[in-house]
PDB file of N, CA and C in Angstrom:
ATOM      1  N   UNK A   1     105.708-160.658 -26.734  1.00  0.00           N
ATOM      2  CA  UNK A   1     106.851-160.515 -27.628  1.00  0.00           C
ATOM      3  C   UNK A   1     108.121-160.915 -26.888  1.00  0.00           C
ATOM      4  N   UNK A   2     108.948-161.751 -27.528  1.00  0.00           N
ATOM      5  CA  UNK A   2     110.188-162.183 -26.901  1.00  0.00           C
ATOM      6  C   UNK A   2     111.310-161.193 -27.200  1.00  0.00           C
ATOM      7  N   UNK A   3     112.205-161.082 -26.245  1.00  0.00           N
ATOM      8  CA  UNK A   3     113.341-160.192 -26.410  1.00  0.00           C
ATOM      9  C   UNK A   3     114.467-160.935 -27.108  1.00  0.00           C
ATOM     10  N   UNK A   4     115.061-160.300 -28.096  1.00  0.00           N
ATOM     11  CA  UNK A   4     116.213-160.868 -28.785  1.00  0.00           C
ATOM     12  C   UNK A   4     117.457-160.578 -27.959  1.00  0.00           C
ATOM     13  N   UNK A   5     118.216-161.607 -27.617  1.00  0.00           N
ATOM     14  CA  UNK A   5     119.455-161.422 -26.867  1.00  0.00           C
ATOM     15  C   UNK A   5     120.623-161.764 -27.784  1.00  0.00           C
ATOM     16  N   UNK A   6     121.405-160.763 -28.182  1.00  0.00           N
ATOM     17  CA  UNK A   6     122.527-161.022 -29.089  1.00  0.00           C
ATOM     18  C   UNK A   6     123.540-161.990 -28.479  1.00  0.00           C
ATOM     19  N   UNK A   7     124.117-162.800 -29.345  1.00  0.00           N
ATOM     20  CA  UNK A   7     125.181-163.729 -28.967  1.00  0.00           C
ATOM     21  C   UNK A   7     126.317-163.591 -29.972  1.00  0.00           C
ATOM     22  N   UNK A   8     127.481-164.056 -29.592  1.00  0.00           N
ATOM     23  CA  UNK A   8     128.624-163.937 -30.495  1.00  0.00           C
ATOM     24  C   UNK A   8     129.526-165.161 -30.392  1.00  0.00           C
ATOM     25  N   UNK A   9     130.396-165.261 -31.355  1.00  0.00           N
ATOM     26  CA  UNK A   9     131.415-166.313 -31.319  1.00  0.00           C
ATOM     27  C   UNK A   9     132.755-165.713 -31.706  1.00  0.00           C
ATOM     28  N   UNK A  10     133.798-166.335 -31.194  1.00  0.00           N
ATOM     29  CA  UNK A  10     135.164-165.966 -31.547  1.00  0.00           C
ATOM     30  C   UNK A  10     135.954-167.254 -31.712  1.00  0.00           C
ATOM     31  N   UNK A  11     136.667-167.353 -32.801  1.00  0.00           N
ATOM     32  CA  UNK A  11     137.528-168.507 -33.038  1.00  0.00           C
ATOM     33  C   UNK A  11     138.933-167.989 -33.293  1.00  0.00           C
ATOM     34  N   UNK A  12     139.854-168.368 -32.424  1.00  0.00           N
ATOM     35  CA  UNK A  12     141.260-168.041 -32.614  1.00  0.00           C
ATOM     36  C   UNK A  12     141.884-169.236 -33.335  1.00  0.00           C
ATOM     37  N   UNK A  13     142.387-168.995 -34.525  1.00  0.00           N
ATOM     38  CA  UNK A  13     142.905-170.067 -35.368  1.00  0.00           C
ATOM     39  C   UNK A  13     144.383-169.802 -35.634  1.00  0.00           C
ATOM     40  N   UNK A  14     145.226-170.746 -35.238  1.00  0.00           N
ATOM     41  CA  UNK A  14     146.672-170.608 -35.448  1.00  0.00           C
ATOM     42  C   UNK A  14     147.103-171.487 -36.612  1.00  0.00           C
ATOM     43  N   UNK A  15     147.777-170.872 -37.570  1.00  0.00           N
ATOM     44  CA  UNK A  15     148.270-171.597 -38.739  1.00  0.00           C
ATOM     45  C   UNK A  15     149.514-172.407 -38.381  1.00  0.00           C
ATOM     46  N   UNK A  16     149.669-173.525 -39.039  1.00  0.00           N
ATOM     47  CA  UNK A  16     150.927-174.263 -38.945  1.00  0.00           C
ATOM     48  C   UNK A  16     151.997-173.420 -39.634  1.00  0.00           C
ATOM     49  N   UNK A  17     153.228-173.632 -39.256  1.00  0.00           N
ATOM     50  CA  UNK A  17     154.333-172.889 -39.858  1.00  0.00           C
ATOM     51  C   UNK A  17     154.278-172.935 -41.379  1.00  0.00           C
ATOM     52  N   UNK A  18     154.360-171.778 -41.997  1.00  0.00           N
ATOM     53  CA  UNK A  18     154.363-171.692 -43.448  1.00  0.00           C
ATOM     54  C   UNK A  18     152.989-171.764 -44.099  1.00  0.00           C
ATOM     55  N   UNK A  19     151.930-171.850 -43.309  1.00  0.00           N
ATOM     56  CA  UNK A  19     150.571-172.013 -43.870  1.00  0.00           C
ATOM     57  C   UNK A  19     149.671-170.804 -43.624  1.00  0.00           C
ATOM     58  N   UNK A  20     150.201-169.712 -43.109  1.00  0.00           N
ATOM     59  CA  UNK A  20     149.347-168.586 -42.737  1.00  0.00           C
ATOM     60  C   UNK A  20     148.604-167.981 -43.927  1.00  0.00           C
ATOM     61  N   UNK A  21     149.286-167.807 -45.042  1.00  0.00           N
ATOM     62  CA  UNK A  21     148.616-167.222 -46.219  1.00  0.00           C
ATOM     63  C   UNK A  21     147.519-168.150 -46.728  1.00  0.00           C
ATOM     64  N   UNK A  22     147.778-169.441 -46.741  1.00  0.00           N
ATOM     65  CA  UNK A  22     146.777-170.410 -47.174  1.00  0.00           C
ATOM     66  C   UNK A  22     145.583-170.393 -46.215  1.00  0.00           C
ATOM     67  N   UNK A  23     145.860-170.337 -44.914  1.00  0.00           N
ATOM     68  CA  UNK A  23     144.788-170.288 -43.926  1.00  0.00           C
ATOM     69  C   UNK A  23     143.941-169.031 -44.113  1.00  0.00           C
ATOM     70  N   UNK A  24     144.590-167.890 -44.247  1.00  0.00           N
ATOM     71  CA  UNK A  24     143.863-166.639 -44.448  1.00  0.00           C
ATOM     72  C   UNK A  24     142.989-166.671 -45.687  1.00  0.00           C
ATOM     73  N   UNK A  25     143.511-167.219 -46.775  1.00  0.00           N
ATOM     74  CA  UNK A  25     142.744-167.297 -48.020  1.00  0.00           C
ATOM     75  C   UNK A  25     141.514-168.180 -47.846  1.00  0.00           C
ATOM     76  N   UNK A  26     141.681-169.294 -47.164  1.00  0.00           N
ATOM     77  CA  UNK A  26     140.548-170.201 -46.989  1.00  0.00           C
ATOM     78  C   UNK A  26     139.524-169.638 -46.008  1.00  0.00           C
ATOM     79  N   UNK A  27     139.987-168.997 -44.938  1.00  0.00           N
ATOM     80  CA  UNK A  27     139.055-168.387 -43.985  1.00  0.00           C
ATOM     81  C   UNK A  27     138.300-167.226 -44.621  1.00  0.00           C
ATOM     82  N   UNK A  28     138.962-166.524 -45.534  1.00  0.00           N
ATOM     83  CA  UNK A  28     138.309-165.364 -46.164  1.00  0.00           C
ATOM     84  C   UNK A  28     137.088-165.776 -46.983  1.00  0.00           C
ATOM     85  N   UNK A  29     137.003-167.055 -47.371  1.00  0.00           N
ATOM     86  CA  UNK A  29     135.826-167.513 -48.113  1.00  0.00           C
ATOM     87  C   UNK A  29     134.572-167.534 -47.238  1.00  0.00           C
ATOM     88  N   UNK A  30     134.743-167.416 -45.925  1.00  0.00           N
ATOM     89  CA  UNK A  30     133.606-167.376 -45.007  1.00  0.00           C
ATOM     90  C   UNK A  30     132.935-166.005 -44.938  1.00  0.00           C
ATOM     91  N   UNK A  31     133.659-164.955 -45.269  1.00  0.00           N
ATOM     92  CA  UNK A  31     133.187-163.594 -45.005  1.00  0.00           C
ATOM     93  C   UNK A  31     131.841-163.289 -45.672  1.00  0.00           C
ATOM     94  N   UNK A  32     131.771-163.345 -46.986  1.00  0.00           N
ATOM     95  CA  UNK A  32     130.538-162.948 -47.684  1.00  0.00           C
ATOM     96  C   UNK A  32     129.341-163.820 -47.309  1.00  0.00           C
ATOM     97  N   UNK A  33     129.454-165.167 -47.368  1.00  0.00           N
ATOM     98  CA  UNK A  33     128.264-165.957 -47.020  1.00  0.00           C
ATOM     99  C   UNK A  33     127.845-165.804 -45.561  1.00  0.00           C
ATOM    100  N   UNK A  34     128.803-165.610 -44.666  1.00  0.00           N
ATOM    101  CA  UNK A  34     128.465-165.453 -43.249  1.00  0.00           C
ATOM    102  C   UNK A  34     127.731-164.148 -43.009  1.00  0.00           C
ATOM    103  N   UNK A  35     128.170-163.084 -43.652  1.00  0.00           N
ATOM    104  CA  UNK A  35     127.506-161.787 -43.498  1.00  0.00           C
ATOM    105  C   UNK A  35     126.086-161.805 -44.051  1.00  0.00           C
ATOM    106  N   UNK A  36     125.820-162.713 -44.986  1.00  0.00           N
ATOM    107  CA  UNK A  36     124.487-162.817 -45.574  1.00  0.00           C
ATOM    108  C   UNK A  36     123.605-163.831 -44.852  1.00  0.00           C
ATOM    109  N   UNK A  37     124.151-164.542 -43.883  1.00  0.00           N
ATOM    110  CA  UNK A  37     123.383-165.561 -43.159  1.00  0.00           C
ATOM    111  C   UNK A  37     122.276-164.895 -42.344  1.00  0.00           C
ATOM    112  N   UNK A  38     121.113-165.532 -42.255  1.00  0.00           N
ATOM    113  CA  UNK A  38     120.013-164.969 -41.463  1.00  0.00           C
ATOM    114  C   UNK A  38     120.433-164.738 -40.009  1.00  0.00           C
ATOM    115  N   UNK A  39     120.185-163.544 -39.514  1.00  0.00           N
ATOM    116  CA  UNK A  39     120.490-163.211 -38.128  1.00  0.00           C
ATOM    117  C   UNK A  39     121.891-162.698 -37.878  1.00  0.00           C
ATOM    118  N   UNK A  40     122.725-162.637 -38.899  1.00  0.00           N
ATOM    119  CA  UNK A  40     124.095-162.134 -38.718  1.00  0.00           C
ATOM    120  C   UNK A  40     124.074-160.605 -38.636  1.00  0.00           C
ATOM    121  N   UNK A  41     124.611-160.076 -37.541  1.00  0.00           N
ATOM    122  CA  UNK A  41     124.722-158.629 -37.374  1.00  0.00           C
ATOM    123  C   UNK A  41     126.103-158.126 -37.776  1.00  0.00           C
ATOM    124  N   UNK A  42     127.115-158.975 -37.591  1.00  0.00           N
ATOM    125  CA  UNK A  42     128.497-158.601 -37.927  1.00  0.00           C
ATOM    126  C   UNK A  42     129.319-159.874 -38.057  1.00  0.00           C
ATOM    127  N   UNK A  43     130.226-159.884 -39.012  1.00  0.00           N
ATOM    128  CA  UNK A  43     131.144-161.015 -39.179  1.00  0.00           C
ATOM    129  C   UNK A  43     132.468-160.457 -39.644  1.00  0.00           C
ATOM    130  N   UNK A  44     133.569-160.924 -39.046  1.00  0.00           N
ATOM    131  CA  UNK A  44     134.880-160.384 -39.400  1.00  0.00           C
ATOM    132  C   UNK A  44     135.965-161.453 -39.353  1.00  0.00           C
ATOM    133  N   UNK A  45     136.949-161.265 -40.199  1.00  0.00           N
ATOM    134  CA  UNK A  45     138.177-162.058 -40.188  1.00  0.00           C
ATOM    135  C   UNK A  45     139.312-161.084 -39.944  1.00  0.00           C
ATOM    136  N   UNK A  46     140.136-161.377 -38.939  1.00  0.00           N
ATOM    137  CA  UNK A  46     141.250-160.491 -38.617  1.00  0.00           C
ATOM    138  C   UNK A  46     142.519-161.313 -38.442  1.00  0.00           C
ATOM    139  N   UNK A  47     143.646-160.691 -38.760  1.00  0.00           N
ATOM    140  CA  UNK A  47     144.952-161.304 -38.545  1.00  0.00           C
ATOM    141  C   UNK A  47     145.680-160.500 -37.480  1.00  0.00           C
ATOM    142  N   UNK A  48     146.330-161.192 -36.563  1.00  0.00           N
ATOM    143  CA  UNK A  48     147.058-160.530 -35.488  1.00  0.00           C
ATOM    144  C   UNK A  48     148.122-159.594 -36.058  1.00  0.00           C
ATOM    145  N   UNK A  49     148.296-158.450 -35.418  1.00  0.00           N
ATOM    146  CA  UNK A  49     149.308-157.490 -35.845  1.00  0.00           C
ATOM    147  C   UNK A  49     150.713-157.909 -35.434  1.00  0.00           C
ATOM    148  N   UNK A  50     150.811-158.762 -34.413  1.00  0.00           N
ATOM    149  CA  UNK A  50     152.147-159.134 -33.941  1.00  0.00           C
ATOM    150  C   UNK A  50     152.464-160.626 -34.083  1.00  0.00           C
ATOM    151  N   UNK A  51     151.523-161.396 -34.624  1.00  0.00           N
ATOM    152  CA  UNK A  51     151.740-162.826 -34.831  1.00  0.00           C
ATOM    153  C   UNK A  51     151.029-163.217 -36.127  1.00  0.00           C
ATOM    154  N   UNK A  52     151.760-163.265 -37.213  1.00  0.00           N
ATOM    155  CA  UNK A  52     151.184-163.497 -38.536  1.00  0.00           C
ATOM    156  C   UNK A  52     150.479-164.844 -38.669  1.00  0.00           C
ATOM    157  N   UNK A  53     150.748-165.770 -37.771  1.00  0.00           N
ATOM    158  CA  UNK A  53     150.108-167.090 -37.835  1.00  0.00           C
ATOM    159  C   UNK A  53     148.770-167.146 -37.091  1.00  0.00           C
ATOM    160  N   UNK A  54     148.406-166.068 -36.385  1.00  0.00           N
ATOM    161  CA  UNK A  54     147.186-166.067 -35.578  1.00  0.00           C
ATOM    162  C   UNK A  54     146.077-165.274 -36.250  1.00  0.00           C
ATOM    163  N   UNK A  55     144.918-165.939 -36.432  1.00  0.00           N
ATOM    164  CA  UNK A  55     143.752-165.348 -37.084  1.00  0.00           C
ATOM    165  C   UNK A  55     142.576-165.378 -36.123  1.00  0.00           C
ATOM    166  N   UNK A  56     141.681-164.413 -36.259  1.00  0.00           N
ATOM    167  CA  UNK A  56     140.470-164.343 -35.454  1.00  0.00           C
ATOM    168  C   UNK A  56     139.265-164.291 -36.386  1.00  0.00           C
ATOM    169  N   UNK A  57     138.346-165.219 -36.176  1.00  0.00           N
ATOM    170  CA  UNK A  57     137.076-165.232 -36.903  1.00  0.00           C
ATOM    171  C   UNK A  57     136.003-164.919 -35.866  1.00  0.00           C
ATOM    172  N   UNK A  58     135.253-163.832 -36.068  1.00  0.00           N
ATOM    173  CA  UNK A  58     134.244-163.456 -35.078  1.00  0.00           C
ATOM    174  C   UNK A  58     132.927-163.115 -35.751  1.00  0.00           C
ATOM    175  N   UNK A  59     131.860-163.380 -35.015  1.00  0.00           N
ATOM    176  CA  UNK A  59     130.534-163.076 -35.526  1.00  0.00           C
ATOM    177  C   UNK A  59     129.615-162.632 -34.411  1.00  0.00           C
ATOM    178  N   UNK A  60     128.702-161.760 -34.735  1.00  0.00           N
ATOM    179  CA  UNK A  60     127.680-161.286 -33.800  1.00  0.00           C
ATOM    180  C   UNK A  60     126.332-161.626 -34.419  1.00  0.00           C
ATOM    181  N   UNK A  61     125.470-162.266 -33.614  1.00  0.00           N
ATOM    182  CA  UNK A  61     124.206-162.795 -34.105  1.00  0.00           C
ATOM    183  C   UNK A  61     123.049-162.212 -33.301  1.00  0.00           C
ATOM    184  N   UNK A  62     121.909-162.066 -33.938  1.00  0.00           N
ATOM    185  CA  UNK A  62     120.742-161.469 -33.303  1.00  0.00           C
ATOM    186  C   UNK A  62     120.253-162.314 -32.125  1.00  0.00           C
ATOM    187  N   UNK A  63     120.429-163.644 -32.190  1.00  0.00           N
ATOM    188  CA  UNK A  63     120.004-164.502 -31.080  1.00  0.00           C
ATOM    189  C   UNK A  63     120.662-165.882 -31.195  1.00  0.00           C
ATOM    190  N   UNK A  64     120.470-166.711 -30.175  1.00  0.00           N
ATOM    191  CA  UNK A  64     121.077-168.040 -30.138  1.00  0.00           C
ATOM    192  C   UNK A  64     120.616-168.934 -31.291  1.00  0.00           C
ATOM    193  N   UNK A  65     119.314-168.968 -31.611  1.00  0.00           N
ATOM    194  CA  UNK A  65     118.897-169.815 -32.742  1.00  0.00           C
ATOM    195  C   UNK A  65     119.577-169.439 -34.064  1.00  0.00           C
ATOM    196  N   UNK A  66     119.800-168.154 -34.294  1.00  0.00           N
ATOM    197  CA  UNK A  66     120.476-167.726 -35.525  1.00  0.00           C
ATOM    198  C   UNK A  66     121.917-168.232 -35.555  1.00  0.00           C
ATOM    199  N   UNK A  67     122.618-168.102 -34.420  1.00  0.00           N
ATOM    200  CA  UNK A  67     123.998-168.569 -34.358  1.00  0.00           C
ATOM    201  C   UNK A  67     124.042-170.093 -34.491  1.00  0.00           C
ATOM    202  N   UNK A  68     123.116-170.793 -33.831  1.00  0.00           N
ATOM    203  CA  UNK A  68     123.075-172.252 -33.919  1.00  0.00           C
ATOM    204  C   UNK A  68     122.841-172.705 -35.365  1.00  0.00           C
ATOM    205  N   UNK A  69     121.945-172.029 -36.065  1.00  0.00           N
ATOM    206  CA  UNK A  69     121.674-172.378 -37.462  1.00  0.00           C
ATOM    207  C   UNK A  69     122.934-172.195 -38.301  1.00  0.00           C
ATOM    208  N   UNK A  70     123.676-171.140 -38.046  1.00  0.00           N
ATOM    209  CA  UNK A  70     124.929-170.902 -38.765  1.00  0.00           C
ATOM    210  C   UNK A  70     125.937-172.015 -38.464  1.00  0.00           C
ATOM    211  N   UNK A  71     126.039-172.394 -37.192  1.00  0.00           N
ATOM    212  CA  UNK A  71     126.976-173.455 -36.821  1.00  0.00           C
ATOM    213  C   UNK A  71     126.633-174.781 -37.499  1.00  0.00           C
ATOM    214  N   UNK A  72     125.371-174.987 -37.812  1.00  0.00           N
ATOM    215  CA  UNK A  72     124.932-176.218 -38.469  1.00  0.00           C
ATOM    216  C   UNK A  72     124.907-176.096 -39.987  1.00  0.00           C
ATOM    217  N   UNK A  73     125.388-174.983 -40.515  1.00  0.00           N
ATOM    218  CA  UNK A  73     125.387-174.766 -41.955  1.00  0.00           C
ATOM    219  C   UNK A  73     126.643-175.379 -42.595  1.00  0.00           C
ATOM    220  N   UNK A  74     126.607-175.596 -43.896  1.00  0.00           N
ATOM    221  CA  UNK A  74     127.774-176.148 -44.605  1.00  0.00           C
ATOM    222  C   UNK A  74     129.029-175.277 -44.481  1.00  0.00           C
ATOM    223  N   UNK A  75     128.860-173.981 -44.231  1.00  0.00           N
ATOM    224  CA  UNK A  75     130.018-173.081 -44.116  1.00  0.00           C
ATOM    225  C   UNK A  75     130.983-173.522 -43.020  1.00  0.00           C
ATOM    226  N   UNK A  76     130.457-174.115 -41.972  1.00  0.00           N
ATOM    227  CA  UNK A  76     131.302-174.510 -40.839  1.00  0.00           C
ATOM    228  C   UNK A  76     132.211-175.691 -41.157  1.00  0.00           C
ATOM    229  N   UNK A  77     131.945-176.395 -42.241  1.00  0.00           N
ATOM    230  CA  UNK A  77     132.787-177.535 -42.624  1.00  0.00           C
ATOM    231  C   UNK A  77     134.222-177.114 -42.881  1.00  0.00           C
ATOM    232  N   UNK A  78     134.434-175.844 -43.177  1.00  0.00           N
ATOM    233  CA  UNK A  78     135.793-175.382 -43.466  1.00  0.00           C
ATOM    234  C   UNK A  78     136.735-175.627 -42.283  1.00  0.00           C
ATOM    235  N   UNK A  79     136.233-175.534 -41.056  1.00  0.00           N
ATOM    236  CA  UNK A  79     137.104-175.737 -39.899  1.00  0.00           C
ATOM    237  C   UNK A  79     137.604-177.178 -39.831  1.00  0.00           C
ATOM    238  N   UNK A  80     136.741-178.133 -40.092  1.00  0.00           N
ATOM    239  CA  UNK A  80     137.155-179.537 -40.116  1.00  0.00           C
ATOM    240  C   UNK A  80     138.144-179.780 -41.257  1.00  0.00           C
ATOM    241  N   UNK A  81     137.891-179.171 -42.399  1.00  0.00           N
ATOM    242  CA  UNK A  81     138.789-179.323 -43.545  1.00  0.00           C
ATOM    243  C   UNK A  81     140.173-178.772 -43.243  1.00  0.00           C
ATOM    244  N   UNK A  82     140.227-177.618 -42.582  1.00  0.00           N
ATOM    245  CA  UNK A  82     141.518-177.006 -42.256  1.00  0.00           C
ATOM    246  C   UNK A  82     142.321-177.886 -41.306  1.00  0.00           C
ATOM    247  N   UNK A  83     141.641-178.509 -40.360  1.00  0.00           N
ATOM    248  CA  UNK A  83     142.317-179.407 -39.422  1.00  0.00           C
ATOM    249  C   UNK A  83     142.791-180.653 -40.175  1.00  0.00           C
ATOM    250  N   UNK A  84     141.927-181.234 -40.993  1.00  0.00           N
ATOM    251  CA  UNK A  84     142.290-182.436 -41.750  1.00  0.00           C
ATOM    252  C   UNK A  84     143.436-182.172 -42.716  1.00  0.00           C
ATOM    253  N   UNK A  85     143.450-180.997 -43.324  1.00  0.00           N
ATOM    254  CA  UNK A  85     144.488-180.651 -44.293  1.00  0.00           C
ATOM    255  C   UNK A  85     145.783-180.194 -43.627  1.00  0.00           C
ATOM    256  N   UNK A  86     145.823-180.236 -42.307  1.00  0.00           N
ATOM    257  CA  UNK A  86     147.006-179.860 -41.518  1.00  0.00           C
ATOM    258  C   UNK A  86     147.448-178.424 -41.774  1.00  0.00           C
ATOM    259  N   UNK A  87     146.477-177.529 -41.961  1.00  0.00           N
ATOM    260  CA  UNK A  87     146.763-176.110 -42.175  1.00  0.00           C
ATOM    261  C   UNK A  87     146.803-175.370 -40.834  1.00  0.00           C
ATOM    262  N   UNK A  88     146.086-175.882 -39.832  1.00  0.00           N
ATOM    263  CA  UNK A  88     146.049-175.221 -38.525  1.00  0.00           C
ATOM    264  C   UNK A  88     146.793-176.046 -37.484  1.00  0.00           C
ATOM    265  N   UNK A  89     147.396-175.345 -36.541  1.00  0.00           N
ATOM    266  CA  UNK A  89     148.047-176.045 -35.427  1.00  0.00           C
ATOM    267  C   UNK A  89     147.167-176.005 -34.190  1.00  0.00           C
ATOM    268  N   UNK A  90     146.270-174.998 -34.100  1.00  0.00           N
ATOM    269  CA  UNK A  90     145.323-174.956 -32.983  1.00  0.00           C
ATOM    270  C   UNK A  90     144.095-174.151 -33.377  1.00  0.00           C
ATOM    271  N   UNK A  91     142.995-174.492 -32.719  1.00  0.00           N
ATOM    272  CA  UNK A  91     141.721-173.834 -32.953  1.00  0.00           C
ATOM    273  C   UNK A  91     141.048-173.678 -31.598  1.00  0.00           C
ATOM    274  N   UNK A  92     140.818-172.435 -31.184  1.00  0.00           N
ATOM    275  CA  UNK A  92     140.224-172.135 -29.884  1.00  0.00           C
ATOM    276  C   UNK A  92     138.918-171.387 -30.139  1.00  0.00           C
ATOM    277  N   UNK A  93     137.798-172.063 -29.900  1.00  0.00           N
ATOM    278  CA  UNK A  93     136.494-171.538 -30.284  1.00  0.00           C
ATOM    279  C   UNK A  93     135.658-171.256 -29.034  1.00  0.00           C
ATOM    280  N   UNK A  94     135.042-170.057 -28.963  1.00  0.00           N
ATOM    281  CA  UNK A  94     134.222-169.669 -27.812  1.00  0.00           C
ATOM    282  C   UNK A  94     132.946-168.984 -28.277  1.00  0.00           C
ATOM    283  N   UNK A  95     131.869-169.155 -27.496  1.00  0.00           N
ATOM    284  CA  UNK A  95     130.630-168.422 -27.743  1.00  0.00           C
ATOM    285  C   UNK A  95     130.313-167.585 -26.512  1.00  0.00           C
ATOM    286  N   UNK A  96     129.610-166.486 -26.745  1.00  0.00           N
ATOM    287  CA  UNK A  96     129.316-165.530 -25.680  1.00  0.00           C
ATOM    288  C   UNK A  96     127.877-165.048 -25.789  1.00  0.00           C
ATOM    289  N   UNK A  97     127.326-164.599 -24.654  1.00  0.00           N
ATOM    290  CA  UNK A  97     126.007-163.971 -24.635  1.00  0.00           C
ATOM    291  C   UNK A  97     126.115-162.668 -23.861  1.00  0.00           C
ATOM    292  N   UNK A  98     125.258-161.742 -24.182  1.00  0.00           N
ATOM    293  CA  UNK A  98     125.248-160.479 -23.454  1.00  0.00           C
ATOM    294  C   UNK A  98     124.667-160.701 -22.074  1.00  0.00           C
ATOM    295  N   UNK A  99     125.183-159.968 -21.100  1.00  0.00           N
ATOM    296  CA  UNK A  99     124.664-160.014 -19.740  1.00  0.00           C
ATOM    297  C   UNK A  99     124.475-158.582 -19.246  1.00  0.00           C
ATOM    298  N   UNK A 100     123.562-158.426 -18.309  1.00  0.00           N
ATOM    299  CA  UNK A 100     123.351-157.115 -17.697  1.00  0.00           C
ATOM    300  C   UNK A 100     124.438-156.884 -16.657  1.00  0.00           C
ATOM    301  N   UNK A 101     124.514-155.670 -16.151  1.00  0.00           N
ATOM    302  CA  UNK A 101     125.483-155.357 -15.094  1.00  0.00           C
ATOM    303  C   UNK A 101     125.215-156.229 -13.870  1.00  0.00           C
ATOM    304  N   UNK A 102     123.945-156.424 -13.549  1.00  0.00           N
ATOM    305  CA  UNK A 102     123.588-157.248 -12.389  1.00  0.00           C
ATOM    306  C   UNK A 102     124.018-158.694 -12.597  1.00  0.00           C
ATOM    307  N   UNK A 103     123.784-159.225 -13.800  1.00  0.00           N
ATOM    308  CA  UNK A 103     124.185-160.600 -14.090  1.00  0.00           C
ATOM    309  C   UNK A 103     125.705-160.747 -14.057  1.00  0.00           C
ATOM    310  N   UNK A 104     126.408-159.734 -14.529  1.00  0.00           N
ATOM    311  CA  UNK A 104     127.873-159.786 -14.567  1.00  0.00           C
ATOM    312  C   UNK A 104     128.472-159.806 -13.170  1.00  0.00           C
ATOM    313  N   UNK A 105     127.817-159.153 -12.219  1.00  0.00           N
ATOM    314  CA  UNK A 105     128.362-159.094 -10.863  1.00  0.00           C
ATOM    315  C   UNK A 105     127.794-160.166  -9.953  1.00  0.00           C
ATOM    316  N   UNK A 106     126.729-160.868 -10.374  1.00  0.00           N
ATOM    317  CA  UNK A 106     126.139-161.923  -9.546  1.00  0.00           C
ATOM    318  C   UNK A 106     127.173-162.938  -9.098  1.00  0.00           C
ATOM    319  N   UNK A 107     127.940-163.458 -10.035  1.00  0.00           N
ATOM    320  CA  UNK A 107     128.955-164.455  -9.714  1.00  0.00           C
ATOM    321  C   UNK A 107     129.997-163.915  -8.760  1.00  0.00           C
ATOM    322  N   UNK A 108     130.385-162.661  -8.951  1.00  0.00           N
ATOM    323  CA  UNK A 108     131.382-162.040  -8.073  1.00  0.00           C
ATOM    324  C   UNK A 108     130.830-161.899  -6.656  1.00  0.00           C
ATOM    325  N   UNK A 109     129.585-161.456  -6.543  1.00  0.00           N
ATOM    326  CA  UNK A 109     128.980-161.285  -5.220  1.00  0.00           C
ATOM    327  C   UNK A 109     128.828-162.630  -4.521  1.00  0.00           C
ATOM    328  N   UNK A 110     128.458-163.655  -5.271  1.00  0.00           N
ATOM    329  CA  UNK A 110     128.325-164.986  -4.675  1.00  0.00           C
ATOM    330  C   UNK A 110     129.666-165.467  -4.155  1.00  0.00           C
ATOM    331  N   UNK A 111     130.737-165.202  -4.882  1.00  0.00           N
ATOM    332  CA  UNK A 111     132.081-165.612  -4.456  1.00  0.00           C
ATOM    333  C   UNK A 111     132.492-164.847  -3.208  1.00  0.00           C
ATOM    334  N   UNK A 112     132.172-163.547  -3.156  1.00  0.00           N
ATOM    335  CA  UNK A 112     132.521-162.725  -1.994  1.00  0.00           C
ATOM    336  C   UNK A 112     131.790-163.260  -0.748  1.00  0.00           C
ATOM    337  N   UNK A 113     130.496-163.543  -0.899  1.00  0.00           N
ATOM    338  CA  UNK A 113     129.720-164.082   0.226  1.00  0.00           C
ATOM    339  C   UNK A 113     130.255-165.436   0.659  1.00  0.00           C
ATOM    340  N   UNK A 114     130.625-166.248  -0.297  1.00  0.00           N
ATOM    341  CA  UNK A 114     131.154-167.578   0.001  1.00  0.00           C
ATOM    342  C   UNK A 114     132.481-167.468   0.773  1.00  0.00           C
ATOM    343  N   UNK A 115     133.345-166.552   0.318  1.00  0.00           N
ATOM    344  CA  UNK A 115     134.634-166.363   0.989  1.00  0.00           C
ATOM    345  C   UNK A 115     134.461-165.748   2.380  1.00  0.00           C
ATOM    346  N   UNK A 116     133.469-164.835   2.510  1.00  0.00           N
ATOM    347  CA  UNK A 116     133.245-164.167   3.803  1.00  0.00           C
ATOM    348  C   UNK A 116     132.578-165.107   4.791  1.00  0.00           C
ATOM    349  N   UNK A 117     131.810-166.073   4.282  1.00  0.00           N
ATOM    350  CA  UNK A 117     131.026-166.966   5.134  1.00  0.00           C
ATOM    351  C   UNK A 117     131.887-168.005   5.716  1.00  0.00           C
TER     352      UNK A 117
END
C-alpha cells in the first residue's frame, strides 16, 4: 500500500488598480468546483486584510497526482484569462509538499557541515 503525501498550492494574485472587486468575483467562481475536484481536501479564496488588491487562492490535495490533475483541468484557464484581460498586475504561484522533521532539518544540517568544513 502506498502512502498518500498531501501537497498544497498557494497563488498570490494582485489586482490591477481598480480591478480588485472584478478579480475577487472571477476568482470566487473557482471555489465550488475546486472543492468538488477529486482529491481536494481544502480550497479557499482569501483577500488580504491590509491590502484590498491582494488575493490568496490556496488548496490542499491528498497527493501530487490529484493536484496535477486539477492543474490540468479547465478551471485553471481562469488564471490565463485574468492576465489576458489585464485584471491582474502580478501572479505568484507556489506548490508545497509535507516534510518530516528530519527532512526539514536535512538541508540545514548539510549547510552547517558545509560551513564548518
